[in-house]
C-alpha atoms as a PDB file:
ATOM      1  CA  MET A   1     141.865 109.203  87.363  1.00  0.00           C
ATOM      2  CA  MET A   2     141.927 107.002  90.448  1.00  0.00           C
ATOM      3  CA  LYS A   3     139.572 109.385  92.207  1.00  0.00           C
ATOM      4  CA  MET A   4     137.162 109.195  89.264  1.00  0.00           C
ATOM      5  CA  GLN A   5     137.254 105.392  89.333  1.00  0.00           C
ATOM      6  CA  ALA A   6     136.633 105.429  93.078  1.00  0.00           C
ATOM      7  CA  ASN A   7     133.624 107.716  92.579  1.00  0.00           C
ATOM      8  CA  LEU A   8     132.295 105.441  89.844  1.00  0.00           C
ATOM      9  CA  LYS A   9     132.651 102.385  92.067  1.00  0.00           C
ATOM     10  CA  ASP A  10     130.952 104.211  94.933  1.00  0.00           C
ATOM     11  CA  ARG A  11     128.111 105.204  92.610  1.00  0.00           C
ATOM     12  CA  GLU A  12     127.781 101.650  91.308  1.00  0.00           C
ATOM     13  CA  PHE A  13     127.675 100.337  94.887  1.00  0.00           C
ATOM     14  CA  LYS A  14     124.922 102.793  95.808  1.00  0.00           C
ATOM     15  CA  LEU A  15     122.948 101.870  92.712  1.00  0.00           C
ATOM     16  CA  SER A  16     123.338  98.143  93.311  1.00  0.00           C
ATOM     17  CA  PHE A  17     122.345  98.495  96.971  1.00  0.00           C
ATOM     18  CA  ALA A  18     119.297 100.591  96.062  1.00  0.00           C
ATOM     19  CA  ASP A  19     118.323  98.084  93.386  1.00  0.00           C
ATOM     20  CA  PHE A  20     118.811  95.190  95.822  1.00  0.00           C
ATOM     21  CA  TYR A  21     116.682  96.873  98.481  1.00  0.00           C
ATOM     22  CA  SER A  22     114.039  97.709  95.899  1.00  0.00           C
ATOM     23  CA  LYS A  23     113.790  94.026  94.992  1.00  0.00           C
ATOM     24  CA  TYR A  24     114.208  92.377  98.379  1.00  0.00           C
ATOM     25  CA  GLY A  25     113.602  95.143 100.894  1.00  0.00           C
ATOM     26  CA  TYR A  26     110.257  93.633 101.926  1.00  0.00           C
ATOM     27  CA  ILE A  27     112.084  90.525 103.196  1.00  0.00           C
ATOM     28  CA  ILE A  28     114.448  92.665 105.280  1.00  0.00           C
ATOM     29  CA  SER A  29     111.513  94.698 106.580  1.00  0.00           C
ATOM     30  CA  PHE A  30     109.618  91.506 107.395  1.00  0.00           C
ATOM     31  CA  ILE A  31     112.526  90.171 109.480  1.00  0.00           C
ATOM     32  CA  VAL A  32     112.872  93.497 111.309  1.00  0.00           C
ATOM     33  CA  LEU A  33     109.144  93.477 112.104  1.00  0.00           C
ATOM     34  CA  VAL A  34     109.413  89.947 113.495  1.00  0.00           C
ATOM     35  CA  PHE A  35     112.073  91.091 115.988  1.00  0.00           C
ATOM     36  CA  ILE A  36     110.023  94.141 116.926  1.00  0.00           C
ATOM     37  CA  GLY A  37     106.990  91.919 117.402  1.00  0.00           C
ATOM     38  CA  LEU A  38     108.957  89.571 119.655  1.00  0.00           C
ATOM     39  CA  TYR A  39     110.099  92.543 121.735  1.00  0.00           C
ATOM     40  CA  PHE A  40     106.513  93.539 122.519  1.00  0.00           C
ATOM     41  CA  ASN A  41     105.010  90.038 122.543  1.00  0.00           C
ATOM     42  CA  LYS A  42     107.078  87.006 123.486  1.00  0.00           C
ATOM     43  CA  SER A  43     104.552  84.658 121.856  1.00  0.00           C
ATOM     44  CA  PHE A  44     104.585  86.610 118.593  1.00  0.00           C
ATOM     45  CA  LEU A  45     105.970  83.601 116.680  1.00  0.00           C
ATOM     46  CA  SER A  46     103.654  81.048 118.271  1.00  0.00           C
ATOM     47  CA  ILE A  47     101.678  78.911 115.839  1.00  0.00           C
ATOM     48  CA  ASN A  48      98.374  80.297 117.081  1.00  0.00           C
ATOM     49  CA  ASN A  49      99.499  83.903 116.634  1.00  0.00           C
ATOM     50  CA  ILE A  50     100.944  83.240 113.175  1.00  0.00           C
ATOM     51  CA  MET A  51      97.728  81.578 112.018  1.00  0.00           C
ATOM     52  CA  THR A  52      95.671  84.413 113.470  1.00  0.00           C
ATOM     53  CA  LEU A  53      97.749  86.980 111.573  1.00  0.00           C
ATOM     54  CA  LEU A  54      97.419  85.010 108.338  1.00  0.00           C
ATOM     55  CA  VAL A  55      93.648  84.634 108.724  1.00  0.00           C
ATOM     56  CA  GLN A  56      93.260  88.354 109.390  1.00  0.00           C
ATOM     57  CA  ALA A  57      95.505  89.206 106.436  1.00  0.00           C
ATOM     58  CA  SER A  58      93.685  86.889 104.025  1.00  0.00           C
ATOM     59  CA  VAL A  59      90.558  89.059 103.684  1.00  0.00           C
ATOM     60  CA  LYS A  60      92.534  92.079 102.479  1.00  0.00           C
ATOM     61  CA  GLY A  61      95.288  89.924 100.998  1.00  0.00           C
ATOM     62  CA  VAL A  62      93.234  88.761  98.033  1.00  0.00           C
ATOM     63  CA  ILE A  63      92.443  92.430  97.347  1.00  0.00           C
ATOM     64  CA  ALA A  64      96.191  93.152  97.304  1.00  0.00           C
ATOM     65  CA  ILE A  65      96.749  90.356  94.764  1.00  0.00           C
ATOM     66  CA  GLY A  66      94.181  91.892  92.426  1.00  0.00           C
ATOM     67  CA  LEU A  67      95.598  95.381  92.943  1.00  0.00           C
ATOM     68  CA  THR A  68      99.070  94.106  92.028  1.00  0.00           C
ATOM     69  CA  PHE A  69      97.780  93.338  88.538  1.00  0.00           C
ATOM     70  CA  ALA A  70      96.045  96.715  88.277  1.00  0.00           C
ATOM     71  CA  ILE A  71      99.055  98.750  89.427  1.00  0.00           C
ATOM     72  CA  THR A  72     101.438  96.705  87.280  1.00  0.00           C
ATOM     73  CA  CYS A  73      99.218  97.576  84.314  1.00  0.00           C
ATOM     74  CA  GLY A  74      99.409 101.270  85.205  1.00  0.00           C
ATOM     75  CA  LEU A  75      95.844 101.299  86.540  1.00  0.00           C
ATOM     76  CA  PHE A  76      94.224 102.002  89.887  1.00  0.00           C
ATOM     77  CA  ASP A  77      91.010 101.013  91.668  1.00  0.00           C
ATOM     78  CA  LEU A  78      89.521 103.090  94.473  1.00  0.00           C
ATOM     79  CA  SER A  79      86.222 101.200  94.416  1.00  0.00           C
ATOM     80  CA  LEU A  80      87.386  97.847  95.823  1.00  0.00           C
ATOM     81  CA  GLY A  81      86.224  98.473  99.389  1.00  0.00           C
ATOM     82  CA  SER A  82      82.775  99.511  98.163  1.00  0.00           C
ATOM     83  CA  GLN A  83      82.688  96.485  95.876  1.00  0.00           C
ATOM     84  CA  VAL A  84      83.398  94.240  98.854  1.00  0.00           C
ATOM     85  CA  ALA A  85      80.492  95.770 100.788  1.00  0.00           C
ATOM     86  CA  PHE A  86      78.102  95.549  97.800  1.00  0.00           C
ATOM     87  CA  ILE A  87      79.057  91.966  96.996  1.00  0.00           C
ATOM     88  CA  ALA A  88      79.003  90.789 100.609  1.00  0.00           C
ATOM     89  CA  GLY A  89      75.573  92.313 101.248  1.00  0.00           C
ATOM     90  CA  MET A  90      74.071  90.713  98.154  1.00  0.00           C
ATOM     91  CA  GLY A  91      75.808  87.439  98.999  1.00  0.00           C
ATOM     92  CA  VAL A  92      74.096  87.358 102.394  1.00  0.00           C
ATOM     93  CA  VAL A  93      70.724  87.958 100.742  1.00  0.00           C
ATOM     94  CA  LEU A  94      71.305  85.065  98.326  1.00  0.00           C
ATOM     95  CA  TYR A  95      72.598  82.720 101.025  1.00  0.00           C
ATOM     96  CA  ASN A  96      69.574  83.352 103.226  1.00  0.00           C
ATOM     97  CA  ALA A  97      67.320  82.484 100.286  1.00  0.00           C
ATOM     98  CA  ILE A  98      69.374  79.519  99.028  1.00  0.00           C
ATOM     99  CA  PRO A  99      71.724  78.269 101.785  1.00  0.00           C
ATOM    100  CA  SER A 100      74.414  76.878  99.494  1.00  0.00           C
ATOM    101  CA  ILE A 101      78.016  77.880 100.151  1.00  0.00           C
ATOM    102  CA  PRO A 102      79.316  76.915  96.659  1.00  0.00           C
ATOM    103  CA  LEU A 103      76.479  78.810  94.968  1.00  0.00           C
ATOM    104  CA  THR A 104      77.062  81.842  97.177  1.00  0.00           C
ATOM    105  CA  LEU A 105      80.776  81.807  96.397  1.00  0.00           C
ATOM    106  CA  LEU A 106      80.154  81.549  92.648  1.00  0.00           C
ATOM    107  CA  PHE A 107      77.613  84.369  92.833  1.00  0.00           C
ATOM    108  CA  MET A 108      80.015  86.641  94.707  1.00  0.00           C
ATOM    109  CA  LEU A 109      82.859  85.968  92.276  1.00  0.00           C
ATOM    110  CA  ALA A 110      80.603  86.527  89.261  1.00  0.00           C
ATOM    111  CA  PHE A 111      79.064  89.674  90.750  1.00  0.00           C
ATOM    112  CA  GLY A 112      82.555  90.974  91.436  1.00  0.00           C
ATOM    113  CA  CYS A 113      83.487  90.389  87.805  1.00  0.00           C
ATOM    114  CA  VAL A 114      80.438  92.382  86.719  1.00  0.00           C
ATOM    115  CA  LEU A 115      81.281  95.313  88.992  1.00  0.00           C
ATOM    116  CA  GLY A 116      84.895  95.215  87.860  1.00  0.00           C
ATOM    117  CA  SER A 117      83.854  95.167  84.201  1.00  0.00           C
ATOM    118  CA  VAL A 118      82.028  98.461  84.744  1.00  0.00           C
ATOM    119  CA  ASN A 119      85.319 100.039  85.785  1.00  0.00           C
ATOM    120  CA  GLY A 120      87.017  98.413  82.810  1.00  0.00           C
ATOM    121  CA  LEU A 121      84.385  99.788  80.448  1.00  0.00           C
ATOM    122  CA  LEU A 122      84.757 103.319  81.807  1.00  0.00           C
ATOM    123  CA  VAL A 123      88.557 103.320  81.796  1.00  0.00           C
ATOM    124  CA  ALA A 124      89.432 101.252  78.723  1.00  0.00           C
ATOM    125  CA  HIS A 125      86.568 102.014  76.370  1.00  0.00           C
ATOM    126  CA  PHE A 126      85.461 105.497  77.455  1.00  0.00           C
ATOM    127  CA  SER A 127      89.020 106.661  78.228  1.00  0.00           C
ATOM    128  CA  MET A 128      88.190 107.931  81.691  1.00  0.00           C
ATOM    129  CA  PRO A 129      91.152 108.370  84.084  1.00  0.00           C
ATOM    130  CA  PRO A 130      91.218 105.367  86.490  1.00  0.00           C
ATOM    131  CA  PHE A 131      91.177 107.660  89.516  1.00  0.00           C
ATOM    132  CA  ILE A 132      87.995 109.447  88.399  1.00  0.00           C
ATOM    133  CA  ALA A 133      86.185 106.337  87.134  1.00  0.00           C
ATOM    134  CA  THR A 134      86.796 104.245  90.233  1.00  0.00           C
ATOM    135  CA  LEU A 135      86.116 107.184  92.559  1.00  0.00           C
ATOM    136  CA  ALA A 136      82.686 107.464  90.927  1.00  0.00           C
ATOM    137  CA  THR A 137      81.935 103.750  91.194  1.00  0.00           C
ATOM    138  CA  GLN A 138      83.238 103.742  94.771  1.00  0.00           C
ATOM    139  CA  ALA A 139      80.537 106.224  95.742  1.00  0.00           C
ATOM    140  CA  ALA A 140      77.888 104.520  93.591  1.00  0.00           C
ATOM    141  CA  TYR A 141      78.423 100.976  94.884  1.00  0.00           C
ATOM    142  CA  ARG A 142      78.491 102.059  98.534  1.00  0.00           C
ATOM    143  CA  SER A 143      75.385 104.178  98.047  1.00  0.00           C
ATOM    144  CA  ILE A 144      73.411 101.358  96.409  1.00  0.00           C
ATOM    145  CA  ILE A 145      74.144  98.744  99.061  1.00  0.00           C
ATOM    146  CA  THR A 146      73.483 101.227 101.879  1.00  0.00           C
ATOM    147  CA  GLN A 147      70.105 102.069 100.364  1.00  0.00           C
ATOM    148  CA  LEU A 148      69.224  98.421  99.856  1.00  0.00           C
ATOM    149  CA  GLY A 149      70.095  97.687 103.464  1.00  0.00           C
ATOM    150  CA  ALA A 150      68.161 100.711 104.728  1.00  0.00           C
ATOM    151  CA  GLU A 151      71.344 101.541 106.672  1.00  0.00           C
ATOM    152  CA  GLY A 152      70.975  98.309 108.633  1.00  0.00           C
ATOM    153  CA  PRO A 153      73.138  95.172 108.645  1.00  0.00           C
ATOM    154  CA  PHE A 154      72.809  92.199 106.319  1.00  0.00           C
ATOM    155  CA  GLU A 155      72.755  89.212 108.689  1.00  0.00           C
ATOM    156  CA  ILE A 156      72.989  85.516 107.890  1.00  0.00           C
ATOM    157  CA  ASN A 157      69.958  83.566 109.058  1.00  0.00           C
ATOM    158  CA  ARG A 158      70.768  81.821 112.337  1.00  0.00           C
ATOM    159  CA  ALA A 159      69.476  78.534 110.963  1.00  0.00           C
ATOM    160  CA  TYR A 160      72.260  78.538 108.352  1.00  0.00           C
ATOM    161  CA  LEU A 161      74.893  80.412 110.367  1.00  0.00           C
ATOM    162  CA  GLU A 162      77.134  77.615 111.599  1.00  0.00           C
ATOM    163  CA  GLN A 163      77.650  75.917 108.241  1.00  0.00           C
ATOM    164  CA  PHE A 164      78.812  79.216 106.729  1.00  0.00           C
ATOM    165  CA  ARG A 165      81.129  79.979 109.636  1.00  0.00           C
ATOM    166  CA  VAL A 166      83.014  76.768 108.869  1.00  0.00           C
ATOM    167  CA  VAL A 167      84.733  78.685 106.055  1.00  0.00           C
ATOM    168  CA  ALA A 168      86.306  80.965 108.686  1.00  0.00           C
ATOM    169  CA  THR A 169      86.743  78.474 111.524  1.00  0.00           C
ATOM    170  CA  GLY A 170      87.554  75.228 109.695  1.00  0.00           C
ATOM    171  CA  SER A 171      91.026  73.969 108.846  1.00  0.00           C
ATOM    172  CA  LEU A 172      92.863  71.430 106.713  1.00  0.00           C
ATOM    173  CA  LEU A 173      96.072  69.818 108.000  1.00  0.00           C
ATOM    174  CA  GLY A 174      96.017  72.290 110.866  1.00  0.00           C
ATOM    175  CA  ILE A 175      95.940  75.301 108.543  1.00  0.00           C
ATOM    176  CA  PRO A 176      92.730  77.396 108.387  1.00  0.00           C
ATOM    177  CA  TYR A 177      90.759  77.293 105.147  1.00  0.00           C
ATOM    178  CA  MET A 178      91.110  81.050 104.757  1.00  0.00           C
ATOM    179  CA  VAL A 179      94.898  80.784 104.822  1.00  0.00           C
ATOM    180  CA  TRP A 180      94.785  78.025 102.185  1.00  0.00           C
ATOM    181  CA  ILE A 181      92.572  80.209  99.990  1.00  0.00           C
ATOM    182  CA  PHE A 182      94.885  83.223 100.338  1.00  0.00           C
ATOM    183  CA  ALA A 183      98.003  81.148  99.639  1.00  0.00           C
ATOM    184  CA  ILE A 184      96.457  79.467  96.577  1.00  0.00           C
ATOM    185  CA  VAL A 185      95.263  82.811  95.166  1.00  0.00           C
ATOM    186  CA  ALA A 186      98.737  84.308  95.678  1.00  0.00           C
ATOM    187  CA  ALA A 187     100.417  81.310  94.032  1.00  0.00           C
ATOM    188  CA  LEU A 188      98.064  81.417  91.048  1.00  0.00           C
ATOM    189  CA  GLY A 189      98.474  85.190  90.804  1.00  0.00           C
ATOM    190  CA  GLY A 190     102.252  84.861  90.705  1.00  0.00           C
ATOM    191  CA  LEU A 191     102.003  82.151  88.068  1.00  0.00           C
ATOM    192  CA  VAL A 192      99.672  84.203  85.871  1.00  0.00           C
ATOM    193  CA  LEU A 193     101.633  87.445  86.202  1.00  0.00           C
ATOM    194  CA  ASN A 194     105.070  85.919  85.604  1.00  0.00           C
ATOM    195  CA  ARG A 195     104.437  82.887  83.379  1.00  0.00           C
ATOM    196  CA  THR A 196     101.568  83.673  81.033  1.00  0.00           C
ATOM    197  CA  LYS A 197     101.032  85.919  78.017  1.00  0.00           C
ATOM    198  CA  PHE A 198      98.346  87.782  79.894  1.00  0.00           C
ATOM    199  CA  GLY A 199     100.819  88.634  82.662  1.00  0.00           C
ATOM    200  CA  LYS A 200     103.433  89.739  80.148  1.00  0.00           C
ATOM    201  CA  TYR A 201     100.864  91.926  78.390  1.00  0.00           C
ATOM    202  CA  VAL A 202      99.866  93.489  81.726  1.00  0.00           C
ATOM    203  CA  THR A 203     103.506  94.349  82.443  1.00  0.00           C
ATOM    204  CA  ALA A 204     104.092  95.641  78.909  1.00  0.00           C
ATOM    205  CA  ILE A 205     101.077  97.957  79.069  1.00  0.00           C
ATOM    206  CA  GLY A 206     102.187  99.275  82.438  1.00  0.00           C
ATOM    207  CA  SER A 207     105.660  99.979  81.050  1.00  0.00           C
ATOM    208  CA  ASN A 208     104.485 101.734  77.886  1.00  0.00           C
ATOM    209  CA  ALA A 209     100.879 101.478  76.715  1.00  0.00           C
ATOM    210  CA  ASN A 210     101.570 103.076  73.329  1.00  0.00           C
ATOM    211  CA  ALA A 211     104.445 100.707  72.577  1.00  0.00           C
ATOM    212  CA  ALA A 212     102.281  97.762  73.653  1.00  0.00           C
ATOM    213  CA  ARG A 213      99.530  98.916  71.292  1.00  0.00           C
ATOM    214  CA  LEU A 214     101.989  99.209  68.410  1.00  0.00           C
ATOM    215  CA  ALA A 215     103.220  95.705  69.227  1.00  0.00           C
ATOM    216  CA  GLY A 216      99.731  94.368  68.566  1.00  0.00           C
ATOM    217  CA  ILE A 217      98.542  93.968  72.161  1.00  0.00           C
ATOM    218  CA  ASN A 218      94.828  94.552  72.714  1.00  0.00           C
ATOM    219  CA  VAL A 219      95.337  97.258  75.330  1.00  0.00           C
ATOM    220  CA  LYS A 220      91.634  97.948  75.894  1.00  0.00           C
ATOM    221  CA  GLY A 221      90.858  94.260  76.273  1.00  0.00           C
ATOM    222  CA  ILE A 222      93.705  93.634  78.727  1.00  0.00           C
ATOM    223  CA  LYS A 223      92.792  96.649  80.843  1.00  0.00           C
ATOM    224  CA  THR A 224      89.189  95.492  80.976  1.00  0.00           C
ATOM    225  CA  MET A 225      90.276  92.002  82.012  1.00  0.00           C
ATOM    226  CA  VAL A 226      92.471  93.450  84.757  1.00  0.00           C
ATOM    227  CA  TYR A 227      89.470  95.269  86.214  1.00  0.00           C
ATOM    228  CA  VAL A 228      87.401  92.103  85.924  1.00  0.00           C
ATOM    229  CA  LEU A 229      90.152  90.325  87.862  1.00  0.00           C
ATOM    230  CA  THR A 230      90.232  92.956  90.625  1.00  0.00           C
ATOM    231  CA  GLY A 231      86.449  92.704  90.853  1.00  0.00           C
ATOM    232  CA  CYS A 232      86.691  88.928  91.155  1.00  0.00           C
ATOM    233  CA  MET A 233      89.168  89.354  94.028  1.00  0.00           C
ATOM    234  CA  ALA A 234      86.747  91.805  95.663  1.00  0.00           C
ATOM    235  CA  GLY A 235      84.114  89.087  95.389  1.00  0.00           C
ATOM    236  CA  LEU A 236      86.385  86.566  97.106  1.00  0.00           C
ATOM    237  CA  SER A 237      87.259  89.117  99.786  1.00  0.00           C
ATOM    238  CA  GLY A 238      83.549  89.726 100.365  1.00  0.00           C
ATOM    239  CA  PHE A 239      83.001  85.976 100.739  1.00  0.00           C
ATOM    240  CA  LEU A 240      85.798  85.645 103.314  1.00  0.00           C
ATOM    241  CA  LEU A 241      84.655  88.764 105.175  1.00  0.00           C
ATOM    242  CA  THR A 242      81.101  87.434 105.372  1.00  0.00           C
ATOM    243  CA  ALA A 243      82.343  84.102 106.718  1.00  0.00           C
ATOM    244  CA  ARG A 244      84.297  85.891 109.458  1.00  0.00           C
ATOM    245  CA  LEU A 245      81.651  88.424 110.492  1.00  0.00           C
ATOM    246  CA  THR A 246      78.359  86.705 109.440  1.00  0.00           C
ATOM    247  CA  SER A 247      76.879  90.221 109.480  1.00  0.00           C
ATOM    248  CA  ILE A 248      77.633  92.975 106.962  1.00  0.00           C
ATOM    249  CA  THR A 249      77.091  96.659 107.692  1.00  0.00           C
ATOM    250  CA  ALA A 250      76.997  98.437 104.345  1.00  0.00           C
ATOM    251  CA  ALA A 251      78.474 101.707 105.604  1.00  0.00           C
ATOM    252  CA  ASN A 252      81.561 100.054 107.153  1.00  0.00           C
ATOM    253  CA  ALA A 253      82.238  96.784 105.344  1.00  0.00           C
ATOM    254  CA  GLY A 254      85.405  96.863 103.260  1.00  0.00           C
ATOM    255  CA  LEU A 255      86.232 100.389 104.406  1.00  0.00           C
ATOM    256  CA  GLN A 256      89.793 101.394 103.390  1.00  0.00           C
ATOM    257  CA  PHE A 257      90.521  97.941 101.956  1.00  0.00           C
ATOM    258  CA  GLU A 258      91.969  99.652  98.890  1.00  0.00           C
ATOM    259  CA  LEU A 259      94.325 101.701 101.097  1.00  0.00           C
ATOM    260  CA  ASP A 260      95.717  98.566 102.731  1.00  0.00           C
ATOM    261  CA  GLY A 261      95.951  96.899  99.333  1.00  0.00           C
ATOM    262  CA  VAL A 262      97.940  99.780  97.856  1.00  0.00           C
ATOM    263  CA  ALA A 263     100.199  99.849 100.926  1.00  0.00           C
ATOM    264  CA  ALA A 264     100.863  96.104 100.560  1.00  0.00           C
ATOM    265  CA  VAL A 265     101.680  96.458  96.854  1.00  0.00           C
ATOM    266  CA  ALA A 266     104.030  99.377  97.556  1.00  0.00           C
ATOM    267  CA  ILE A 267     105.781  97.585 100.416  1.00  0.00           C
ATOM    268  CA  GLY A 268     106.155  94.508  98.226  1.00  0.00           C
ATOM    269  CA  GLY A 269     108.246  96.374  95.653  1.00  0.00           C
ATOM    270  CA  SER A 270     105.825  96.700  92.745  1.00  0.00           C
ATOM    271  CA  ALA A 271     106.379  99.884  90.730  1.00  0.00           C
ATOM    272  CA  MET A 272     103.551 102.291  91.545  1.00  0.00           C
ATOM    273  CA  SER A 273     103.965 103.850  88.102  1.00  0.00           C
ATOM    274  CA  GLY A 274     103.394 100.458  86.451  1.00  0.00           C
ATOM    275  CA  GLY A 275     105.541  97.986  84.560  1.00  0.00           C
ATOM    276  CA  ARG A 276     106.735  95.882  87.486  1.00  0.00           C
ATOM    277  CA  GLY A 277     104.647  93.719  89.784  1.00  0.00           C
ATOM    278  CA  ARG A 278     105.601  91.336  92.569  1.00  0.00           C
ATOM    279  CA  ILE A 279     102.881  89.046  93.860  1.00  0.00           C
ATOM    280  CA  LEU A 280     105.125  87.524  96.533  1.00  0.00           C
ATOM    281  CA  GLY A 281     106.002  91.027  97.676  1.00  0.00           C
ATOM    282  CA  SER A 282     102.301  91.903  97.975  1.00  0.00           C
ATOM    283  CA  PHE A 283     101.738  88.691  99.963  1.00  0.00           C
ATOM    284  CA  PHE A 284     104.398  89.693 102.472  1.00  0.00           C
ATOM    285  CA  GLY A 285     103.266  93.317 102.303  1.00  0.00           C
ATOM    286  CA  ILE A 286      99.729  92.634 103.538  1.00  0.00           C
ATOM    287  CA  LEU A 287     101.089  90.277 106.174  1.00  0.00           C
ATOM    288  CA  MET A 288     103.462  93.004 107.379  1.00  0.00           C
ATOM    289  CA  LEU A 289     100.585  95.479 107.628  1.00  0.00           C
ATOM    290  CA  GLN A 290      98.731  92.997 109.811  1.00  0.00           C
ATOM    291  CA  MET A 291     101.869  92.502 111.885  1.00  0.00           C
ATOM    292  CA  ILE A 292     102.194  96.267 112.327  1.00  0.00           C
ATOM    293  CA  GLU A 293      98.612  96.491 113.592  1.00  0.00           C
ATOM    294  CA  SER A 294      99.321  93.674 116.043  1.00  0.00           C
ATOM    295  CA  ILE A 295     102.522  95.380 117.220  1.00  0.00           C
ATOM    296  CA  LEU A 296     100.768  98.732 117.664  1.00  0.00           C
ATOM    297  CA  ILE A 297      98.136  97.051 119.831  1.00  0.00           C
ATOM    298  CA  ALA A 298     100.820  95.268 121.887  1.00  0.00           C
ATOM    299  CA  ALA A 299     102.701  98.562 122.274  1.00  0.00           C
ATOM    300  CA  ALA A 300      99.505 100.320 123.424  1.00  0.00           C
ATOM    301  CA  VAL A 301      99.690 102.825 120.556  1.00  0.00           C
ATOM    302  CA  PRO A 302      96.351 104.649 119.990  1.00  0.00           C
ATOM    303  CA  PRO A 303      94.448 102.900 117.165  1.00  0.00           C
ATOM    304  CA  PHE A 304      93.805 106.194 115.397  1.00  0.00           C
ATOM    305  CA  LEU A 305      97.524 106.434 114.627  1.00  0.00           C
ATOM    306  CA  SER A 306      97.527 103.257 112.515  1.00  0.00           C
ATOM    307  CA  GLY A 307      96.572 105.307 109.447  1.00  0.00           C
ATOM    308  CA  LEU A 308      99.573 107.573 110.053  1.00  0.00           C
ATOM    309  CA  VAL A 309     101.864 104.545 110.216  1.00  0.00           C
ATOM    310  CA  LYS A 310     100.440 103.131 106.969  1.00  0.00           C
ATOM    311  CA  GLY A 311     100.833 106.496 105.241  1.00  0.00           C
ATOM    312  CA  ILE A 312     104.480 106.746 106.274  1.00  0.00           C
ATOM    313  CA  ILE A 313     105.086 103.163 105.122  1.00  0.00           C
ATOM    314  CA  ILE A 314     103.659 103.896 101.654  1.00  0.00           C
ATOM    315  CA  ILE A 315     105.788 107.042 101.285  1.00  0.00           C
ATOM    316  CA  VAL A 316     108.997 105.303 102.369  1.00  0.00           C
ATOM    317  CA  ALA A 317     108.306 102.250 100.204  1.00  0.00           C
ATOM    318  CA  VAL A 318     107.716 104.349  97.075  1.00  0.00           C
ATOM    319  CA  LEU A 319     110.788 106.517  97.713  1.00  0.00           C
ATOM    320  CA  ILE A 320     112.985 103.440  98.134  1.00  0.00           C
ATOM    321  CA  GLN A 321     111.754 101.666  95.025  1.00  0.00           C
ATOM    322  CA  ASP A 322     112.183 104.802  92.896  1.00  0.00           C
ATOM    323  CA  ARG A 323     115.805 105.406  93.894  1.00  0.00           C
ATOM    324  CA  PRO A 324     117.465 103.315  91.155  1.00  0.00           C
ATOM    325  CA  SER A 325     115.554 104.999  88.354  1.00  0.00           C
ATOM    326  CA  SER A 326     116.110 108.509  89.643  1.00  0.00           C
ATOM    327  CA  ARG A 327     119.909 108.308  89.680  1.00  0.00           C
END
C-alpha cells in the first residue's frame, strides 16, 4: 500500500513538473539563453544589444502574434512569408507614388487583410485543409509579386527614403519605434485572446470545433477572421521590413518567416494541436530565436546550421508541451 502511494506521489510530481514546464518553460529557457549569450559575448545584456535584438525580432514577432491566434484556433498558415513579400512590394510602389507613411501603413494592413481573407475563404467556406490552401496561396502570392517586379527589387525613391527610414531608426523615450510597435501588438494580442469573446471562441474552436459549432459559435466566421488577422500582421511585418531594408526583393523577402513564427509559438507553450495559446510565450519565443541567431554568430557556428537548431527547438518544444496530456 505504501509503495503504491509512493508511486502515485512520484507520478503526480512528474505530471506537475511537466505541466509547470509546459506553462513556464519558455522563461527558464530564456534565462538559460541569457547566460549562454553572456558566455560568448560579455556585452550581451548591454542596452544597445538588447534594443538591437528587439528591433530584429519585431519584424517576425508580429507574424508570431498572428500565428498564435491561428494555431490556437487549430489552423495553420504557410503563406505568411509570401504575403509579406507581396504586401511590401506593393507598399513600395504606393509610397513612391504617394509618399505618405500613414497611407502606406493603412494600405499594407488592408492589403494584408484581403490576402488573409482569401485563405479564410478557402479554409472556412470551401473546407480546404489549411495546409493545402495556404501552400497554394504561398506559391501564388510569391509568383505574382516576382512577376510584377520582373525579378528585380522594389526600391523606395531616394527623394523619400529618409522620412520612411525614420520608422526603423527613430525612437521614443530611448526605445525604437519598432520595439514599441511590437510590444503594443503583443499586448493587444494578449488582451484580445484572453479577455474577449473572440479570443474565447478562437480557443473553443481549437479545442473542439464540433462542440463549438453546437454551442452556437460561428465557426466559419471566426476562422475567416483569424486568417484576416494573420494577414493584417503580415501587412504590419511588411511595413516594418520595408522600413528596415528600403528595398524589397520579391524572391527573398519574408522567406521562412512562417517557420520562425511557428517555432516562436511552439517555444512559447501554445498547443500546436490547438485550444491553448500564449501570446506572452510567443513574444519571448521570437526573442529567443533572435538570441539564438546572435549566439550562433558569436560562437562562429556556420549560418547554414541555424535551420537545424530551429528544427530541434520546435521538436523539443512540442514534445515537452505534450507530456502532460500523454500520461
